[in-house]
N, C-alpha and C. Protein backbone atom coordinates (compact mmCIF):
# COMPACT_ATOMS: atom_id res chain seq x y z
N MET A 1 -21.37 -40.22 -15.10
CA MET A 1 -21.98 -38.98 -15.55
C MET A 1 -22.17 -38.05 -14.35
N THR A 2 -21.87 -36.79 -14.53
CA THR A 2 -22.01 -35.80 -13.47
C THR A 2 -23.48 -35.49 -13.26
N SER A 3 -23.88 -35.40 -12.00
CA SER A 3 -25.25 -35.06 -11.68
C SER A 3 -25.28 -33.66 -11.07
N PHE A 4 -26.18 -32.83 -11.53
CA PHE A 4 -26.30 -31.47 -11.04
C PHE A 4 -27.69 -31.27 -10.46
N ALA A 5 -27.77 -30.50 -9.38
CA ALA A 5 -29.08 -30.05 -8.92
C ALA A 5 -29.61 -29.11 -9.99
N GLU A 6 -30.91 -29.03 -10.14
CA GLU A 6 -31.51 -28.24 -11.23
C GLU A 6 -30.95 -26.83 -11.29
N GLN A 7 -30.75 -26.18 -10.15
CA GLN A 7 -30.27 -24.80 -10.16
C GLN A 7 -28.78 -24.71 -10.48
N ASP A 8 -28.05 -25.84 -10.42
CA ASP A 8 -26.61 -25.83 -10.66
C ASP A 8 -26.21 -26.24 -12.07
N VAL A 9 -27.15 -26.44 -12.96
CA VAL A 9 -26.83 -26.86 -14.32
C VAL A 9 -26.07 -25.73 -15.02
N PRO A 10 -24.83 -25.99 -15.47
CA PRO A 10 -24.07 -24.93 -16.13
C PRO A 10 -24.82 -24.34 -17.33
N GLY A 11 -24.79 -23.02 -17.42
CA GLY A 11 -25.44 -22.33 -18.53
C GLY A 11 -26.89 -21.97 -18.29
N ARG A 12 -27.45 -22.39 -17.15
CA ARG A 12 -28.88 -22.14 -16.94
C ARG A 12 -29.17 -20.77 -16.35
N TYR A 13 -28.43 -20.35 -15.34
CA TYR A 13 -28.70 -19.09 -14.65
C TYR A 13 -27.46 -18.24 -14.53
N GLY A 14 -27.68 -16.99 -14.16
CA GLY A 14 -26.57 -16.12 -13.79
C GLY A 14 -25.79 -15.54 -14.95
N PRO A 15 -24.61 -15.02 -14.65
CA PRO A 15 -23.83 -14.31 -15.68
C PRO A 15 -23.31 -15.22 -16.78
N PHE A 16 -23.31 -16.54 -16.56
CA PHE A 16 -22.80 -17.46 -17.57
C PHE A 16 -23.92 -18.25 -18.26
N ALA A 17 -25.14 -17.73 -18.17
CA ALA A 17 -26.29 -18.40 -18.79
C ALA A 17 -26.17 -18.37 -20.31
N THR A 18 -26.55 -19.47 -20.93
CA THR A 18 -26.63 -19.54 -22.39
C THR A 18 -27.87 -18.76 -22.80
N THR A 19 -27.72 -17.87 -23.77
CA THR A 19 -28.83 -17.03 -24.22
C THR A 19 -28.94 -17.08 -25.74
N GLU A 20 -30.10 -16.66 -26.23
CA GLU A 20 -30.27 -16.55 -27.67
C GLU A 20 -29.63 -15.25 -28.15
N ALA A 21 -28.94 -15.31 -29.27
CA ALA A 21 -28.29 -14.13 -29.86
C ALA A 21 -28.95 -13.84 -31.20
N ASP A 22 -29.18 -12.58 -31.49
CA ASP A 22 -29.71 -12.20 -32.80
C ASP A 22 -28.54 -12.25 -33.79
N PRO A 23 -28.54 -13.21 -34.71
CA PRO A 23 -27.40 -13.40 -35.60
C PRO A 23 -27.12 -12.22 -36.52
N ARG A 24 -28.09 -11.35 -36.70
CA ARG A 24 -27.88 -10.18 -37.56
C ARG A 24 -27.37 -8.98 -36.75
N GLU A 25 -27.36 -9.12 -35.43
CA GLU A 25 -26.97 -8.01 -34.55
C GLU A 25 -25.70 -8.30 -33.75
N VAL A 26 -25.06 -9.44 -33.97
CA VAL A 26 -23.90 -9.80 -33.16
C VAL A 26 -22.62 -9.10 -33.61
N GLY A 27 -22.71 -8.36 -34.68
CA GLY A 27 -21.51 -7.68 -35.18
C GLY A 27 -20.72 -8.59 -36.09
N ARG A 28 -19.47 -8.25 -36.24
CA ARG A 28 -18.61 -9.01 -37.15
C ARG A 28 -18.36 -10.41 -36.57
N VAL A 29 -18.65 -11.43 -37.35
CA VAL A 29 -18.46 -12.81 -36.92
C VAL A 29 -17.46 -13.47 -37.84
N ARG A 30 -16.43 -14.04 -37.24
CA ARG A 30 -15.44 -14.79 -38.01
C ARG A 30 -15.52 -16.24 -37.55
N THR A 31 -16.11 -17.06 -38.39
CA THR A 31 -16.20 -18.48 -38.05
C THR A 31 -14.82 -19.11 -38.27
N GLU A 32 -14.53 -20.10 -37.48
CA GLU A 32 -13.24 -20.79 -37.62
C GLU A 32 -13.40 -22.22 -37.13
N TYR A 33 -12.53 -23.07 -37.61
CA TYR A 33 -12.50 -24.46 -37.16
C TYR A 33 -11.23 -24.63 -36.33
N SER A 34 -11.38 -24.71 -35.01
CA SER A 34 -10.20 -24.80 -34.14
C SER A 34 -10.48 -25.64 -32.90
N PRO A 35 -10.95 -26.88 -33.10
CA PRO A 35 -11.21 -27.72 -31.93
C PRO A 35 -9.92 -28.06 -31.19
N ALA A 36 -10.00 -28.12 -29.87
CA ALA A 36 -8.87 -28.50 -29.02
C ALA A 36 -9.47 -29.19 -27.80
N TYR A 37 -9.30 -30.47 -27.70
CA TYR A 37 -9.92 -31.21 -26.60
C TYR A 37 -9.19 -30.87 -25.31
N ASP A 38 -9.58 -29.73 -24.72
CA ASP A 38 -8.88 -29.19 -23.55
C ASP A 38 -9.82 -28.85 -22.40
N GLY A 39 -11.08 -29.25 -22.51
CA GLY A 39 -12.04 -28.96 -21.45
C GLY A 39 -12.78 -27.65 -21.62
N ASP A 40 -12.38 -26.84 -22.60
CA ASP A 40 -13.05 -25.58 -22.90
C ASP A 40 -13.75 -25.69 -24.25
N PRO A 41 -14.86 -24.99 -24.43
CA PRO A 41 -15.54 -25.03 -25.73
C PRO A 41 -14.74 -24.26 -26.78
N ASP A 42 -14.61 -24.85 -27.95
CA ASP A 42 -13.87 -24.23 -29.06
C ASP A 42 -14.67 -24.40 -30.34
N PRO A 43 -14.53 -23.46 -31.29
CA PRO A 43 -15.21 -23.62 -32.58
C PRO A 43 -14.84 -24.95 -33.25
N GLY A 44 -15.88 -25.65 -33.68
CA GLY A 44 -15.70 -26.96 -34.28
C GLY A 44 -16.06 -28.10 -33.34
N GLU A 45 -16.32 -27.77 -32.08
CA GLU A 45 -16.66 -28.79 -31.09
C GLU A 45 -18.15 -28.82 -30.79
N ILE A 46 -18.61 -30.00 -30.48
CA ILE A 46 -19.96 -30.15 -29.94
C ILE A 46 -19.81 -30.26 -28.43
N VAL A 47 -20.52 -29.39 -27.73
CA VAL A 47 -20.48 -29.35 -26.26
C VAL A 47 -21.91 -29.40 -25.73
N TRP A 48 -22.04 -29.73 -24.46
CA TRP A 48 -23.35 -29.77 -23.82
C TRP A 48 -23.51 -28.56 -22.93
N THR A 49 -24.67 -27.91 -23.02
CA THR A 49 -25.00 -26.76 -22.18
C THR A 49 -26.51 -26.70 -22.03
N TRP A 50 -26.95 -25.85 -21.13
CA TRP A 50 -28.38 -25.58 -20.98
C TRP A 50 -28.82 -24.71 -22.14
N VAL A 51 -29.88 -25.11 -22.83
CA VAL A 51 -30.42 -24.32 -23.94
C VAL A 51 -31.85 -23.92 -23.58
N PRO A 52 -32.11 -22.61 -23.47
CA PRO A 52 -33.47 -22.18 -23.14
C PRO A 52 -34.43 -22.47 -24.29
N TYR A 53 -35.66 -22.79 -23.94
CA TYR A 53 -36.68 -22.96 -24.98
C TYR A 53 -36.92 -21.62 -25.65
N GLU A 54 -37.41 -21.66 -26.88
CA GLU A 54 -37.63 -20.43 -27.65
C GLU A 54 -38.63 -19.49 -27.00
N GLU A 55 -39.51 -20.02 -26.16
CA GLU A 55 -40.48 -19.18 -25.46
C GLU A 55 -39.80 -18.26 -24.45
N ASN A 56 -38.57 -18.57 -24.09
CA ASN A 56 -37.78 -17.76 -23.15
C ASN A 56 -38.54 -17.51 -21.85
N ASP A 57 -39.12 -18.59 -21.31
CA ASP A 57 -39.92 -18.47 -20.09
C ASP A 57 -39.25 -19.15 -18.89
N GLY A 58 -37.95 -19.38 -18.98
CA GLY A 58 -37.21 -20.02 -17.89
C GLY A 58 -37.04 -21.52 -18.05
N ARG A 59 -37.82 -22.10 -18.94
CA ARG A 59 -37.67 -23.54 -19.19
C ARG A 59 -36.60 -23.76 -20.25
N GLY A 60 -36.09 -24.96 -20.31
CA GLY A 60 -35.09 -25.31 -21.30
C GLY A 60 -34.66 -26.74 -21.14
N LYS A 61 -33.51 -27.06 -21.73
CA LYS A 61 -33.06 -28.44 -21.76
C LYS A 61 -31.55 -28.47 -21.89
N ASP A 62 -30.91 -29.42 -21.22
CA ASP A 62 -29.48 -29.66 -21.38
C ASP A 62 -29.32 -30.40 -22.71
N ARG A 63 -28.57 -29.80 -23.64
CA ARG A 63 -28.49 -30.42 -24.97
C ARG A 63 -27.17 -30.09 -25.64
N PRO A 64 -26.84 -30.83 -26.70
CA PRO A 64 -25.60 -30.56 -27.44
C PRO A 64 -25.77 -29.36 -28.37
N VAL A 65 -24.69 -28.59 -28.48
CA VAL A 65 -24.64 -27.47 -29.42
C VAL A 65 -23.30 -27.53 -30.15
N LEU A 66 -23.28 -27.02 -31.37
CA LEU A 66 -22.04 -26.92 -32.15
C LEU A 66 -21.52 -25.49 -32.03
N VAL A 67 -20.31 -25.34 -31.51
CA VAL A 67 -19.68 -24.03 -31.39
C VAL A 67 -19.14 -23.65 -32.77
N VAL A 68 -19.52 -22.45 -33.27
CA VAL A 68 -19.11 -22.04 -34.62
C VAL A 68 -18.19 -20.83 -34.65
N ALA A 69 -18.14 -20.04 -33.58
CA ALA A 69 -17.30 -18.83 -33.59
C ALA A 69 -17.02 -18.38 -32.17
N ARG A 70 -15.89 -17.70 -32.03
CA ARG A 70 -15.53 -17.07 -30.75
C ARG A 70 -15.71 -15.57 -30.93
N GLU A 71 -16.40 -14.92 -29.98
CA GLU A 71 -16.60 -13.47 -30.03
C GLU A 71 -15.45 -12.76 -29.32
N ALA A 72 -15.26 -11.50 -29.65
CA ALA A 72 -14.16 -10.72 -29.09
C ALA A 72 -14.20 -10.68 -27.56
N GLY A 73 -15.38 -10.66 -26.98
CA GLY A 73 -15.51 -10.59 -25.52
C GLY A 73 -15.29 -11.91 -24.81
N GLY A 74 -14.96 -12.96 -25.55
CA GLY A 74 -14.70 -14.26 -24.94
C GLY A 74 -15.88 -15.21 -24.96
N THR A 75 -17.05 -14.73 -25.33
CA THR A 75 -18.20 -15.63 -25.47
C THR A 75 -18.09 -16.36 -26.80
N LEU A 76 -18.93 -17.36 -26.97
CA LEU A 76 -18.92 -18.16 -28.19
C LEU A 76 -20.31 -18.18 -28.79
N LEU A 77 -20.37 -18.35 -30.10
CA LEU A 77 -21.64 -18.51 -30.79
C LEU A 77 -21.79 -19.98 -31.15
N ALA A 78 -23.00 -20.49 -30.96
CA ALA A 78 -23.25 -21.91 -31.19
C ALA A 78 -24.65 -22.09 -31.77
N VAL A 79 -24.87 -23.27 -32.33
CA VAL A 79 -26.19 -23.64 -32.86
C VAL A 79 -26.55 -25.01 -32.28
N GLN A 80 -27.83 -25.19 -31.97
CA GLN A 80 -28.25 -26.40 -31.28
C GLN A 80 -28.44 -27.58 -32.22
N LEU A 81 -28.26 -28.77 -31.66
CA LEU A 81 -28.48 -30.01 -32.38
C LEU A 81 -29.81 -30.62 -31.94
N SER A 82 -30.38 -31.42 -32.82
CA SER A 82 -31.58 -32.17 -32.50
C SER A 82 -31.52 -33.51 -33.20
N SER A 83 -32.06 -34.54 -32.56
CA SER A 83 -32.15 -35.85 -33.21
C SER A 83 -33.51 -36.02 -33.88
N LYS A 84 -34.37 -35.02 -33.74
CA LYS A 84 -35.66 -35.05 -34.44
C LYS A 84 -35.40 -34.80 -35.93
N ARG A 85 -36.01 -35.59 -36.77
CA ARG A 85 -35.77 -35.49 -38.21
C ARG A 85 -36.28 -34.16 -38.77
N HIS A 86 -35.46 -33.57 -39.64
CA HIS A 86 -35.81 -32.31 -40.30
C HIS A 86 -35.45 -32.39 -41.78
N ASP A 87 -35.74 -33.51 -42.40
CA ASP A 87 -35.43 -33.69 -43.82
C ASP A 87 -36.12 -32.63 -44.65
N GLY A 88 -35.37 -32.01 -45.56
CA GLY A 88 -35.94 -31.03 -46.48
C GLY A 88 -36.19 -29.66 -45.89
N ASP A 89 -35.84 -29.43 -44.65
CA ASP A 89 -36.04 -28.13 -44.00
C ASP A 89 -34.75 -27.34 -44.09
N ARG A 90 -34.74 -26.21 -44.82
CA ARG A 90 -33.51 -25.43 -45.04
C ARG A 90 -32.96 -24.79 -43.77
N GLU A 91 -33.77 -24.71 -42.74
CA GLU A 91 -33.29 -24.13 -41.49
C GLU A 91 -32.52 -25.15 -40.65
N TRP A 92 -32.47 -26.39 -41.11
CA TRP A 92 -31.77 -27.45 -40.39
C TRP A 92 -30.77 -28.12 -41.33
N VAL A 93 -29.53 -28.27 -40.87
CA VAL A 93 -28.47 -28.90 -41.66
C VAL A 93 -28.22 -30.30 -41.10
N PRO A 94 -28.33 -31.33 -41.95
CA PRO A 94 -28.07 -32.69 -41.46
C PRO A 94 -26.56 -32.89 -41.24
N ILE A 95 -26.22 -33.48 -40.08
CA ILE A 95 -24.79 -33.75 -39.82
C ILE A 95 -24.55 -35.23 -39.51
N GLY A 96 -25.57 -36.06 -39.62
CA GLY A 96 -25.38 -37.48 -39.37
C GLY A 96 -25.25 -37.79 -37.89
N SER A 97 -24.60 -38.90 -37.59
CA SER A 97 -24.47 -39.34 -36.20
C SER A 97 -23.05 -39.16 -35.71
N GLY A 98 -22.89 -39.24 -34.40
CA GLY A 98 -21.57 -39.10 -33.80
C GLY A 98 -21.63 -39.40 -32.32
N PRO A 99 -20.48 -39.31 -31.65
CA PRO A 99 -20.40 -39.67 -30.23
C PRO A 99 -21.16 -38.75 -29.28
N TRP A 100 -21.70 -37.65 -29.76
CA TRP A 100 -22.51 -36.77 -28.90
C TRP A 100 -23.85 -37.41 -28.57
N ASP A 101 -24.28 -38.42 -29.35
CA ASP A 101 -25.56 -39.09 -29.12
C ASP A 101 -25.28 -40.56 -28.82
N ARG A 102 -25.49 -40.95 -27.58
CA ARG A 102 -25.19 -42.33 -27.16
C ARG A 102 -25.96 -43.37 -27.95
N SER A 103 -27.13 -42.99 -28.47
CA SER A 103 -27.96 -43.94 -29.23
C SER A 103 -27.55 -44.02 -30.69
N GLY A 104 -26.62 -43.19 -31.12
CA GLY A 104 -26.15 -43.22 -32.50
C GLY A 104 -27.15 -42.69 -33.51
N ARG A 105 -28.08 -41.86 -33.05
CA ARG A 105 -29.09 -41.31 -33.96
C ARG A 105 -28.50 -40.21 -34.82
N ASP A 106 -29.06 -40.03 -36.02
CA ASP A 106 -28.68 -38.91 -36.87
C ASP A 106 -29.11 -37.61 -36.19
N SER A 107 -28.36 -36.54 -36.49
CA SER A 107 -28.66 -35.24 -35.90
C SER A 107 -28.76 -34.17 -36.98
N TRP A 108 -29.45 -33.08 -36.62
CA TRP A 108 -29.59 -31.91 -37.47
C TRP A 108 -29.19 -30.69 -36.65
N VAL A 109 -28.65 -29.68 -37.31
CA VAL A 109 -28.26 -28.43 -36.66
C VAL A 109 -29.22 -27.34 -37.10
N ASP A 110 -29.74 -26.59 -36.14
CA ASP A 110 -30.69 -25.51 -36.38
C ASP A 110 -29.95 -24.20 -36.66
N VAL A 111 -29.90 -23.77 -37.93
CA VAL A 111 -29.20 -22.53 -38.28
C VAL A 111 -30.10 -21.31 -38.14
N ASP A 112 -31.34 -21.52 -37.76
CA ASP A 112 -32.28 -20.41 -37.59
C ASP A 112 -32.16 -19.78 -36.20
N ARG A 113 -31.49 -20.47 -35.30
CA ARG A 113 -31.39 -19.99 -33.92
C ARG A 113 -29.93 -20.05 -33.46
N VAL A 114 -29.37 -18.90 -33.14
CA VAL A 114 -27.98 -18.82 -32.71
C VAL A 114 -27.95 -18.55 -31.21
N LEU A 115 -27.06 -19.24 -30.52
CA LEU A 115 -26.94 -19.13 -29.07
C LEU A 115 -25.60 -18.52 -28.69
N ARG A 116 -25.60 -17.79 -27.58
CA ARG A 116 -24.36 -17.23 -27.02
C ARG A 116 -24.02 -18.07 -25.79
N LEU A 117 -22.83 -18.62 -25.81
CA LEU A 117 -22.37 -19.55 -24.78
C LEU A 117 -21.14 -18.99 -24.08
N HIS A 118 -21.07 -19.21 -22.78
CA HIS A 118 -19.90 -18.83 -21.99
C HIS A 118 -19.13 -20.10 -21.64
N GLU A 119 -17.81 -20.00 -21.56
CA GLU A 119 -17.02 -21.18 -21.20
C GLU A 119 -17.51 -21.80 -19.90
N ALA A 120 -17.82 -20.97 -18.91
CA ALA A 120 -18.29 -21.47 -17.62
C ALA A 120 -19.71 -22.02 -17.70
N GLY A 121 -20.41 -21.80 -18.81
CA GLY A 121 -21.76 -22.30 -18.98
C GLY A 121 -21.82 -23.64 -19.68
N MET A 122 -20.67 -24.21 -19.99
CA MET A 122 -20.63 -25.51 -20.66
C MET A 122 -20.59 -26.62 -19.62
N ARG A 123 -21.37 -27.67 -19.84
CA ARG A 123 -21.32 -28.81 -18.92
C ARG A 123 -20.17 -29.74 -19.28
N ARG A 124 -20.03 -30.08 -20.57
CA ARG A 124 -18.91 -30.94 -20.97
C ARG A 124 -18.70 -30.87 -22.48
N GLU A 125 -17.48 -31.18 -22.89
CA GLU A 125 -17.18 -31.34 -24.30
C GLU A 125 -17.64 -32.73 -24.72
N ALA A 126 -18.22 -32.84 -25.89
CA ALA A 126 -18.60 -34.15 -26.41
C ALA A 126 -17.53 -34.64 -27.38
N CYS A 127 -17.27 -33.85 -28.42
CA CYS A 127 -16.31 -34.24 -29.44
C CYS A 127 -16.12 -33.09 -30.42
N ALA A 128 -15.13 -33.25 -31.29
CA ALA A 128 -14.97 -32.32 -32.40
C ALA A 128 -15.76 -32.88 -33.58
N LEU A 129 -16.49 -32.02 -34.26
CA LEU A 129 -17.15 -32.41 -35.49
C LEU A 129 -16.11 -32.33 -36.59
N ASP A 130 -16.13 -33.26 -37.54
CA ASP A 130 -15.11 -33.20 -38.59
C ASP A 130 -15.29 -31.93 -39.42
N ARG A 131 -14.21 -31.50 -40.05
CA ARG A 131 -14.19 -30.23 -40.77
C ARG A 131 -15.23 -30.18 -41.89
N MET A 132 -15.45 -31.27 -42.61
CA MET A 132 -16.40 -31.26 -43.72
C MET A 132 -17.82 -30.94 -43.22
N ARG A 133 -18.24 -31.59 -42.14
CA ARG A 133 -19.59 -31.34 -41.62
C ARG A 133 -19.67 -29.95 -40.99
N PHE A 134 -18.61 -29.53 -40.30
CA PHE A 134 -18.56 -28.18 -39.74
C PHE A 134 -18.71 -27.15 -40.85
N ASN A 135 -17.97 -27.34 -41.95
CA ASN A 135 -18.03 -26.39 -43.07
C ASN A 135 -19.42 -26.33 -43.69
N SER A 136 -20.14 -27.44 -43.73
CA SER A 136 -21.49 -27.41 -44.31
C SER A 136 -22.43 -26.56 -43.44
N VAL A 137 -22.26 -26.62 -42.13
CA VAL A 137 -23.07 -25.80 -41.23
C VAL A 137 -22.69 -24.33 -41.38
N VAL A 138 -21.38 -24.04 -41.37
CA VAL A 138 -20.90 -22.67 -41.48
C VAL A 138 -21.30 -22.06 -42.82
N HIS A 139 -21.26 -22.85 -43.88
CA HIS A 139 -21.67 -22.34 -45.20
C HIS A 139 -23.12 -21.85 -45.14
N ARG A 140 -23.99 -22.61 -44.51
CA ARG A 140 -25.40 -22.22 -44.40
C ARG A 140 -25.54 -20.97 -43.54
N LEU A 141 -24.77 -20.87 -42.45
CA LEU A 141 -24.82 -19.67 -41.61
C LEU A 141 -24.34 -18.44 -42.38
N ARG A 142 -23.29 -18.59 -43.16
CA ARG A 142 -22.77 -17.47 -43.96
C ARG A 142 -23.78 -17.02 -45.00
N GLU A 143 -24.42 -17.98 -45.65
CA GLU A 143 -25.47 -17.64 -46.63
C GLU A 143 -26.60 -16.86 -45.97
N ARG A 144 -26.99 -17.33 -44.82
CA ARG A 144 -28.17 -16.78 -44.14
C ARG A 144 -27.91 -15.43 -43.49
N TYR A 145 -26.71 -15.24 -42.89
CA TYR A 145 -26.46 -14.05 -42.08
C TYR A 145 -25.33 -13.16 -42.59
N GLY A 146 -24.65 -13.56 -43.65
CA GLY A 146 -23.56 -12.74 -44.18
C GLY A 146 -22.28 -12.81 -43.36
N TRP A 147 -22.16 -13.85 -42.52
CA TRP A 147 -20.95 -14.00 -41.73
C TRP A 147 -19.77 -14.35 -42.62
N ARG A 148 -18.56 -14.18 -42.12
CA ARG A 148 -17.34 -14.54 -42.86
C ARG A 148 -16.69 -15.76 -42.29
């Protein structure tokens, strides 16, 4: 596993920092499923990046996110994963377990918070999420934000 000094964690600082995006203000969003295990983040893949806490006070955590769309400027839109249970919560979509979690725990995707990710802000690719689970997340995002 790669070890980074705190200031060198991809996506944490600088022009390639992962930031929160207002899903209603991002403009036209075209979600797509196009994973390609090539070292770059692609829609349909779960990747690891620095995710700022919602308080936006400089703190955050290196965590997995699901990439759901590529923006015209080359950035990507993603939603964070959590292994904390969110049964019955409409803001969280259950996606089960996968190789992104070494412990094999079930995961949920937070559709209430959209992140903007830069290719250079990704620490590593974890895996491609299968199309069925990807589509269930995208369906909820489309319902919520009117994306296509």
